[in-house]
Amino acid sequence: MRAVTEAMNAHARRSTLAEYHSVATHGGIAAADPHRHVLMLMDGALERLVQARTCTRHEAGVDNNRQRDLVQAAIAILDELRAGLDLEGGGTLATHLDDLYDYMTRQLVTANLQQRPESIAEIAHLLNEIRAAWIALPGEAPTLRPDAK
């Protein structure tokens, strides 16, 4: 009986910690400025892509469902990044980013269906390039409009 009680207490502690982590993460997103919010989305997508690549290695016990879920989560984040683009006021840069996010999404769908880790690596590389350019932008200029000063 004591072992059951200890196991239940350990589970309760893990649940409380997970809940705290979730609140802290969502609180960080809510408090972030738009520039930081985009960076957090990119980091989240990259984290999931790295994890998905490790699932594609041909090792015993590889969880294909986990890889599928991770790639789908990265696609959802790319959709969020894409939805945040100002296609009317963002000029050609926003249009090119929209096209690039669309390409990345299509490649990830194909990678998921055909178990192609090289496609996941390609998308991670592209997203890292976009992330590096985003970091180079001043935090006070989070929009991509050419008229922004």
N, C-alpha and C. Protein backbone atom coordinates (compact mmCIF):
# COMPACT_ATOMS: atom_id res chain seq x y z
N MET A 1 0.82 -1.19 0.00
CA MET A 1 0.00 0.00 0.00
C MET A 1 0.87 1.26 0.00
N ARG A 2 1.98 1.20 0.73
CA ARG A 2 2.86 2.36 0.79
C ARG A 2 3.45 2.69 -0.58
N ALA A 3 3.80 1.65 -1.35
CA ALA A 3 4.36 1.86 -2.69
C ALA A 3 3.34 2.55 -3.59
N VAL A 4 2.09 2.17 -3.47
CA VAL A 4 1.03 2.80 -4.27
C VAL A 4 0.89 4.26 -3.89
N THR A 5 0.90 4.56 -2.61
CA THR A 5 0.78 5.94 -2.14
C THR A 5 1.96 6.78 -2.62
N GLU A 6 3.17 6.23 -2.54
CA GLU A 6 4.35 6.95 -3.02
C GLU A 6 4.28 7.20 -4.52
N ALA A 7 3.81 6.21 -5.26
CA ALA A 7 3.68 6.38 -6.71
C ALA A 7 2.65 7.46 -7.03
N MET A 8 1.55 7.48 -6.27
CA MET A 8 0.53 8.50 -6.49
C MET A 8 1.07 9.89 -6.16
N ASN A 9 1.84 10.01 -5.09
CA ASN A 9 2.43 11.29 -4.73
C ASN A 9 3.42 11.76 -5.79
N ALA A 10 4.23 10.83 -6.31
CA ALA A 10 5.19 11.19 -7.37
C ALA A 10 4.45 11.67 -8.61
N HIS A 11 3.37 10.98 -8.95
CA HIS A 11 2.57 11.39 -10.11
C HIS A 11 1.98 12.78 -9.89
N ALA A 12 1.48 13.04 -8.71
CA ALA A 12 0.90 14.35 -8.39
C ALA A 12 1.95 15.44 -8.51
N ARG A 13 3.18 15.17 -8.04
CA ARG A 13 4.26 16.17 -8.15
C ARG A 13 4.59 16.44 -9.62
N ARG A 14 4.65 15.36 -10.44
CA ARG A 14 4.94 15.55 -11.87
C ARG A 14 3.82 16.34 -12.53
N SER A 15 2.58 16.05 -12.19
CA SER A 15 1.44 16.76 -12.77
C SER A 15 1.48 18.24 -12.40
N THR A 16 1.80 18.53 -11.15
CA THR A 16 1.89 19.92 -10.70
C THR A 16 3.01 20.64 -11.43
N LEU A 17 4.15 19.96 -11.58
CA LEU A 17 5.28 20.56 -12.30
C LEU A 17 4.92 20.80 -13.76
N ALA A 18 4.25 19.86 -14.40
CA ALA A 18 3.85 20.03 -15.79
C ALA A 18 2.87 21.19 -15.92
N GLU A 19 1.95 21.30 -14.98
CA GLU A 19 0.99 22.40 -15.01
C GLU A 19 1.69 23.74 -14.84
N TYR A 20 2.65 23.81 -13.93
CA TYR A 20 3.42 25.04 -13.72
C TYR A 20 4.17 25.40 -14.99
N HIS A 21 4.82 24.40 -15.61
CA HIS A 21 5.58 24.65 -16.84
C HIS A 21 4.66 25.18 -17.93
N SER A 22 3.47 24.61 -18.05
CA SER A 22 2.51 25.05 -19.06
C SER A 22 2.09 26.50 -18.82
N VAL A 23 1.78 26.84 -17.59
CA VAL A 23 1.38 28.21 -17.26
C VAL A 23 2.53 29.18 -17.52
N ALA A 24 3.74 28.79 -17.12
CA ALA A 24 4.91 29.65 -17.34
C ALA A 24 5.15 29.87 -18.82
N THR A 25 5.00 28.81 -19.62
CA THR A 25 5.21 28.94 -21.06
C THR A 25 4.16 29.84 -21.68
N HIS A 26 2.90 29.60 -21.35
CA HIS A 26 1.84 30.41 -21.93
C HIS A 26 1.91 31.85 -21.43
N GLY A 27 2.32 32.04 -20.20
CA GLY A 27 2.50 33.39 -19.68
C GLY A 27 3.60 34.12 -20.42
N GLY A 28 4.67 33.40 -20.76
CA GLY A 28 5.77 34.00 -21.51
C GLY A 28 5.34 34.43 -22.89
N ILE A 29 4.48 33.65 -23.52
CA ILE A 29 3.98 34.00 -24.83
C ILE A 29 3.06 35.21 -24.75
N ALA A 30 2.20 35.23 -23.74
CA ALA A 30 1.26 36.34 -23.60
C ALA A 30 1.98 37.65 -23.35
N ALA A 31 3.10 37.60 -22.62
CA ALA A 31 3.82 38.82 -22.28
C ALA A 31 4.82 39.24 -23.35
N ALA A 32 5.04 38.42 -24.35
CA ALA A 32 6.07 38.71 -25.35
C ALA A 32 5.60 39.77 -26.34
N ASP A 33 6.54 40.61 -26.76
CA ASP A 33 6.24 41.55 -27.82
C ASP A 33 6.18 40.76 -29.14
N PRO A 34 5.63 41.35 -30.20
CA PRO A 34 5.47 40.60 -31.45
C PRO A 34 6.78 40.02 -31.98
N HIS A 35 7.86 40.77 -31.87
CA HIS A 35 9.16 40.29 -32.35
C HIS A 35 9.58 39.04 -31.58
N ARG A 36 9.45 39.08 -30.28
CA ARG A 36 9.80 37.94 -29.43
C ARG A 36 8.84 36.77 -29.64
N HIS A 37 7.57 37.08 -29.87
CA HIS A 37 6.58 36.04 -30.11
C HIS A 37 6.94 35.22 -31.35
N VAL A 38 7.32 35.88 -32.43
CA VAL A 38 7.72 35.18 -33.66
C VAL A 38 8.95 34.33 -33.39
N LEU A 39 9.89 34.86 -32.65
CA LEU A 39 11.10 34.10 -32.30
C LEU A 39 10.74 32.85 -31.49
N MET A 40 9.82 32.99 -30.56
CA MET A 40 9.40 31.84 -29.76
C MET A 40 8.72 30.78 -30.63
N LEU A 41 7.93 31.21 -31.59
CA LEU A 41 7.30 30.26 -32.51
C LEU A 41 8.35 29.52 -33.33
N MET A 42 9.31 30.26 -33.85
CA MET A 42 10.37 29.62 -34.63
C MET A 42 11.15 28.62 -33.79
N ASP A 43 11.47 29.00 -32.56
CA ASP A 43 12.20 28.09 -31.66
C ASP A 43 11.38 26.83 -31.38
N GLY A 44 10.09 27.00 -31.21
CA GLY A 44 9.22 25.85 -30.96
C GLY A 44 9.18 24.90 -32.15
N ALA A 45 9.10 25.46 -33.34
CA ALA A 45 9.08 24.62 -34.55
C ALA A 45 10.42 23.90 -34.71
N LEU A 46 11.51 24.62 -34.48
CA LEU A 46 12.84 24.00 -34.61
C LEU A 46 13.03 22.88 -33.60
N GLU A 47 12.57 23.10 -32.39
CA GLU A 47 12.69 22.06 -31.36
C GLU A 47 11.95 20.79 -31.78
N ARG A 48 10.77 20.96 -32.33
CA ARG A 48 10.00 19.79 -32.75
C ARG A 48 10.63 19.10 -33.96
N LEU A 49 11.22 19.87 -34.86
CA LEU A 49 11.89 19.27 -36.01
C LEU A 49 13.11 18.46 -35.59
N VAL A 50 13.87 18.97 -34.65
CA VAL A 50 15.03 18.23 -34.15
C VAL A 50 14.57 16.92 -33.50
N GLN A 51 13.53 17.00 -32.71
CA GLN A 51 13.01 15.79 -32.07
C GLN A 51 12.47 14.81 -33.11
N ALA A 52 11.80 15.31 -34.14
CA ALA A 52 11.25 14.44 -35.18
C ALA A 52 12.37 13.74 -35.95
N ARG A 53 13.46 14.45 -36.19
CA ARG A 53 14.59 13.82 -36.89
C ARG A 53 15.16 12.67 -36.10
N THR A 54 15.21 12.78 -34.81
CA THR A 54 15.73 11.68 -34.01
C THR A 54 14.80 10.48 -34.07
N CYS A 55 13.51 10.72 -34.30
CA CYS A 55 12.56 9.61 -34.43
C CYS A 55 12.71 8.86 -35.75
N THR A 56 13.31 9.49 -36.75
CA THR A 56 13.41 8.85 -38.06
C THR A 56 14.62 7.93 -38.17
N ARG A 57 15.51 8.01 -37.22
CA ARG A 57 16.67 7.12 -37.26
C ARG A 57 16.21 5.68 -37.14
N HIS A 58 16.83 4.83 -37.88
CA HIS A 58 16.43 3.42 -37.90
C HIS A 58 17.04 2.69 -36.71
N GLU A 59 16.44 2.91 -35.57
CA GLU A 59 16.88 2.26 -34.35
C GLU A 59 15.72 1.44 -33.80
N ALA A 60 16.04 0.48 -32.99
CA ALA A 60 14.99 -0.33 -32.38
C ALA A 60 14.12 0.57 -31.49
N GLY A 61 12.83 0.38 -31.59
CA GLY A 61 11.91 1.11 -30.73
C GLY A 61 11.57 2.51 -31.21
N VAL A 62 11.87 2.85 -32.46
CA VAL A 62 11.53 4.18 -32.97
C VAL A 62 10.01 4.32 -33.00
N ASP A 63 9.55 5.43 -32.52
CA ASP A 63 8.12 5.68 -32.42
C ASP A 63 7.67 6.55 -33.60
N ASN A 64 7.13 5.91 -34.64
CA ASN A 64 6.68 6.66 -35.81
C ASN A 64 5.51 7.57 -35.50
N ASN A 65 4.66 7.17 -34.54
CA ASN A 65 3.56 8.05 -34.15
C ASN A 65 4.08 9.32 -33.52
N ARG A 66 5.12 9.23 -32.73
CA ARG A 66 5.72 10.40 -32.11
C ARG A 66 6.30 11.33 -33.17
N GLN A 67 6.98 10.75 -34.15
CA GLN A 67 7.53 11.57 -35.23
C GLN A 67 6.40 12.29 -35.97
N ARG A 68 5.34 11.56 -36.28
CA ARG A 68 4.21 12.17 -36.98
C ARG A 68 3.64 13.33 -36.17
N ASP A 69 3.47 13.12 -34.87
CA ASP A 69 2.93 14.17 -34.01
C ASP A 69 3.84 15.38 -33.94
N LEU A 70 5.15 15.14 -33.87
CA LEU A 70 6.11 16.26 -33.81
C LEU A 70 6.11 17.06 -35.11
N VAL A 71 6.08 16.37 -36.24
CA VAL A 71 6.05 17.07 -37.53
C VAL A 71 4.74 17.84 -37.67
N GLN A 72 3.64 17.25 -37.25
CA GLN A 72 2.36 17.96 -37.31
C GLN A 72 2.37 19.20 -36.41
N ALA A 73 3.02 19.10 -35.27
CA ALA A 73 3.13 20.27 -34.38
C ALA A 73 3.97 21.36 -35.04
N ALA A 74 5.05 20.98 -35.71
CA ALA A 74 5.88 21.96 -36.42
C ALA A 74 5.09 22.61 -37.55
N ILE A 75 4.27 21.83 -38.24
CA ILE A 75 3.43 22.37 -39.32
C ILE A 75 2.43 23.37 -38.74
N ALA A 76 1.84 23.04 -37.60
CA ALA A 76 0.89 23.97 -36.97
C ALA A 76 1.57 25.29 -36.61
N ILE A 77 2.81 25.22 -36.15
CA ILE A 77 3.54 26.44 -35.81
C ILE A 77 3.85 27.23 -37.08
N LEU A 78 4.25 26.54 -38.15
CA LEU A 78 4.48 27.24 -39.42
C LEU A 78 3.20 27.91 -39.91
N ASP A 79 2.07 27.25 -39.71
CA ASP A 79 0.78 27.86 -40.08
C ASP A 79 0.54 29.13 -39.27
N GLU A 80 0.91 29.10 -37.99
CA GLU A 80 0.75 30.27 -37.13
C GLU A 80 1.66 31.41 -37.62
N LEU A 81 2.89 31.08 -37.97
CA LEU A 81 3.81 32.10 -38.49
C LEU A 81 3.27 32.68 -39.79
N ARG A 82 2.74 31.82 -40.62
CA ARG A 82 2.20 32.25 -41.91
C ARG A 82 0.98 33.15 -41.71
N ALA A 83 0.13 32.79 -40.76
CA ALA A 83 -1.08 33.58 -40.50
C ALA A 83 -0.73 34.97 -39.97
N GLY A 84 0.43 35.11 -39.34
CA GLY A 84 0.83 36.39 -38.79
C GLY A 84 1.44 37.35 -39.80
N LEU A 85 1.65 36.90 -41.03
CA LEU A 85 2.24 37.76 -42.05
C LEU A 85 1.23 38.81 -42.51
N ASP A 86 1.73 40.02 -42.74
CA ASP A 86 0.91 41.11 -43.28
C ASP A 86 1.12 41.12 -44.79
N LEU A 87 0.31 40.32 -45.50
CA LEU A 87 0.51 40.19 -46.94
C LEU A 87 0.15 41.46 -47.71
N GLU A 88 -0.74 42.29 -47.16
CA GLU A 88 -1.11 43.53 -47.85
C GLU A 88 -0.05 44.61 -47.65
N GLY A 89 0.43 44.76 -46.44
CA GLY A 89 1.37 45.84 -46.15
C GLY A 89 2.82 45.39 -46.07
N GLY A 90 3.06 44.09 -46.13
CA GLY A 90 4.40 43.57 -45.94
C GLY A 90 5.26 43.52 -47.18
N GLY A 91 4.68 43.86 -48.32
CA GLY A 91 5.44 43.89 -49.55
C GLY A 91 5.91 42.52 -50.01
N THR A 92 6.95 42.54 -50.83
CA THR A 92 7.43 41.29 -51.41
C THR A 92 8.06 40.37 -50.36
N LEU A 93 8.62 40.95 -49.31
CA LEU A 93 9.22 40.12 -48.27
C LEU A 93 8.17 39.22 -47.62
N ALA A 94 7.02 39.79 -47.28
CA ALA A 94 5.95 38.99 -46.68
C ALA A 94 5.44 37.94 -47.66
N THR A 95 5.34 38.30 -48.93
CA THR A 95 4.89 37.35 -49.94
C THR A 95 5.89 36.20 -50.09
N HIS A 96 7.17 36.52 -50.09
CA HIS A 96 8.19 35.47 -50.20
C HIS A 96 8.20 34.57 -48.96
N LEU A 97 8.02 35.16 -47.79
CA LEU A 97 7.94 34.35 -46.57
C LEU A 97 6.72 33.44 -46.61
N ASP A 98 5.61 33.95 -47.11
CA ASP A 98 4.40 33.14 -47.24
C ASP A 98 4.67 31.95 -48.15
N ASP A 99 5.31 32.20 -49.27
CA ASP A 99 5.66 31.11 -50.20
C ASP A 99 6.62 30.12 -49.55
N LEU A 100 7.58 30.62 -48.81
CA LEU A 100 8.55 29.75 -48.16
C LEU A 100 7.90 28.90 -47.07
N TYR A 101 7.04 29.50 -46.26
CA TYR A 101 6.32 28.73 -45.25
C TYR A 101 5.43 27.66 -45.90
N ASP A 102 4.81 28.00 -47.03
CA ASP A 102 3.99 27.03 -47.75
C ASP A 102 4.87 25.87 -48.24
N TYR A 103 6.01 26.18 -48.82
CA TYR A 103 6.95 25.14 -49.28
C TYR A 103 7.38 24.25 -48.11
N MET A 104 7.72 24.87 -46.99
CA MET A 104 8.17 24.12 -45.83
C MET A 104 7.07 23.16 -45.34
N THR A 105 5.84 23.65 -45.33
CA THR A 105 4.72 22.82 -44.90
C THR A 105 4.55 21.62 -45.83
N ARG A 106 4.58 21.87 -47.14
CA ARG A 106 4.43 20.77 -48.09
C ARG A 106 5.56 19.75 -47.96
N GLN A 107 6.77 20.22 -47.77
CA GLN A 107 7.91 19.31 -47.61
C GLN A 107 7.77 18.47 -46.34
N LEU A 108 7.27 19.08 -45.28
CA LEU A 108 7.10 18.33 -44.03
C LEU A 108 6.00 17.29 -44.14
N VAL A 109 4.94 17.61 -44.86
CA VAL A 109 3.89 16.61 -45.08
C VAL A 109 4.47 15.42 -45.84
N THR A 110 5.23 15.70 -46.89
CA THR A 110 5.86 14.64 -47.66
C THR A 110 6.85 13.85 -46.81
N ALA A 111 7.63 14.55 -46.02
CA ALA A 111 8.61 13.88 -45.14
C ALA A 111 7.90 12.95 -44.17
N ASN A 112 6.77 13.37 -43.68
CA ASN A 112 6.00 12.55 -42.74
C ASN A 112 5.45 11.30 -43.42
N LEU A 113 4.95 11.47 -44.61
CA LEU A 113 4.36 10.33 -45.32
C LEU A 113 5.40 9.33 -45.81
N GLN A 114 6.55 9.84 -46.24
CA GLN A 114 7.55 8.99 -46.86
C GLN A 114 8.77 8.70 -45.97
N GLN A 115 8.70 9.11 -44.70
CA GLN A 115 9.80 8.87 -43.76
C GLN A 115 11.12 9.38 -44.35
N ARG A 116 11.17 10.68 -44.67
CA ARG A 116 12.36 11.28 -45.29
C ARG A 116 13.01 12.26 -44.32
N PRO A 117 13.97 11.80 -43.51
CA PRO A 117 14.62 12.69 -42.55
C PRO A 117 15.40 13.81 -43.22
N GLU A 118 15.86 13.61 -44.45
CA GLU A 118 16.60 14.67 -45.13
C GLU A 118 15.71 15.88 -45.41
N SER A 119 14.43 15.66 -45.64
CA SER A 119 13.50 16.77 -45.83
C SER A 119 13.29 17.54 -44.53
N ILE A 120 13.22 16.81 -43.43
CA ILE A 120 13.07 17.47 -42.13
C ILE A 120 14.32 18.32 -41.86
N ALA A 121 15.49 17.78 -42.18
CA ALA A 121 16.74 18.52 -41.99
C ALA A 121 16.77 19.77 -42.87
N GLU A 122 16.29 19.65 -44.11
CA GLU A 122 16.27 20.81 -45.01
C GLU A 122 15.38 21.92 -44.44
N ILE A 123 14.22 21.55 -43.93
CA ILE A 123 13.30 22.54 -43.40
C ILE A 123 13.87 23.18 -42.14
N ALA A 124 14.51 22.38 -41.31
CA ALA A 124 15.15 22.94 -40.10
C ALA A 124 16.22 23.94 -40.50
N HIS A 125 16.99 23.62 -41.54
CA HIS A 125 18.04 24.55 -42.01
C HIS A 125 17.41 25.85 -42.51
N LEU A 126 16.36 25.75 -43.32
CA LEU A 126 15.70 26.95 -43.83
C LEU A 126 15.14 27.80 -42.70
N LEU A 127 14.51 27.16 -41.75
CA LEU A 127 13.92 27.89 -40.63
C LEU A 127 15.00 28.54 -39.77
N ASN A 128 16.14 27.88 -39.63
CA ASN A 128 17.27 28.49 -38.91
C ASN A 128 17.76 29.73 -39.62
N GLU A 129 17.77 29.70 -40.95
CA GLU A 129 18.19 30.88 -41.73
C GLU A 129 17.22 32.04 -41.51
N ILE A 130 15.93 31.75 -41.55
CA ILE A 130 14.93 32.79 -41.31
C ILE A 130 15.07 33.32 -39.89
N ARG A 131 15.28 32.42 -38.94
CA ARG A 131 15.44 32.81 -37.54
C ARG A 131 16.63 33.76 -37.36
N ALA A 132 17.74 33.43 -38.00
CA ALA A 132 18.94 34.27 -37.90
C ALA A 132 18.66 35.67 -38.44
N ALA A 133 17.94 35.75 -39.55
CA ALA A 133 17.59 37.06 -40.11
C ALA A 133 16.64 37.80 -39.18
N TRP A 134 15.71 37.07 -38.58
CA TRP A 134 14.74 37.70 -37.68
C TRP A 134 15.44 38.28 -36.45
N ILE A 135 16.42 37.55 -35.93
CA ILE A 135 17.17 38.03 -34.76
C ILE A 135 17.93 39.31 -35.11
N ALA A 136 18.38 39.42 -36.35
CA ALA A 136 19.13 40.59 -36.77
C ALA A 136 18.26 41.84 -36.86
N LEU A 137 16.94 41.65 -36.96
CA LEU A 137 16.05 42.81 -36.99
C LEU A 137 16.00 43.45 -35.62
N PRO A 138 15.92 44.77 -35.57
CA PRO A 138 15.77 45.41 -34.26
C PRO A 138 14.43 45.05 -33.64
N GLY A 139 14.43 44.85 -32.35
CA GLY A 139 13.21 44.49 -31.63
C GLY A 139 12.11 45.52 -31.74
N GLU A 140 12.47 46.77 -32.01
CA GLU A 140 11.46 47.82 -32.11
C GLU A 140 10.78 47.81 -33.46
N ALA A 141 11.26 47.01 -34.41
CA ALA A 141 10.68 46.99 -35.75
C ALA A 141 10.16 45.60 -36.09
N PRO A 142 9.13 45.13 -35.37
CA PRO A 142 8.66 43.77 -35.59
C PRO A 142 7.83 43.59 -36.85
N THR A 143 7.40 44.69 -37.49
CA THR A 143 6.60 44.54 -38.70
C THR A 143 7.52 44.42 -39.90
N LEU A 144 6.98 43.90 -40.97
CA LEU A 144 7.75 43.75 -42.20
C LEU A 144 7.28 44.73 -43.26
N ARG A 145 6.62 45.78 -42.84
CA ARG A 145 6.15 46.76 -43.80
C ARG A 145 7.29 47.67 -44.21
N PRO A 146 7.41 47.96 -45.53
CA PRO A 146 8.50 48.83 -45.99
C PRO A 146 8.39 50.25 -45.47
N ASP A 147 7.18 50.70 -45.08
CA ASP A 147 7.00 52.06 -44.62
C ASP A 147 7.29 52.22 -43.13
N ALA A 148 7.58 51.08 -42.44
CA ALA A 148 7.88 51.15 -41.00
C ALA A 148 9.22 51.82 -40.81
N LYS A 149 9.29 52.71 -39.86
CA LYS A 149 10.54 53.45 -39.63
C LYS A 149 11.20 52.98 -38.37
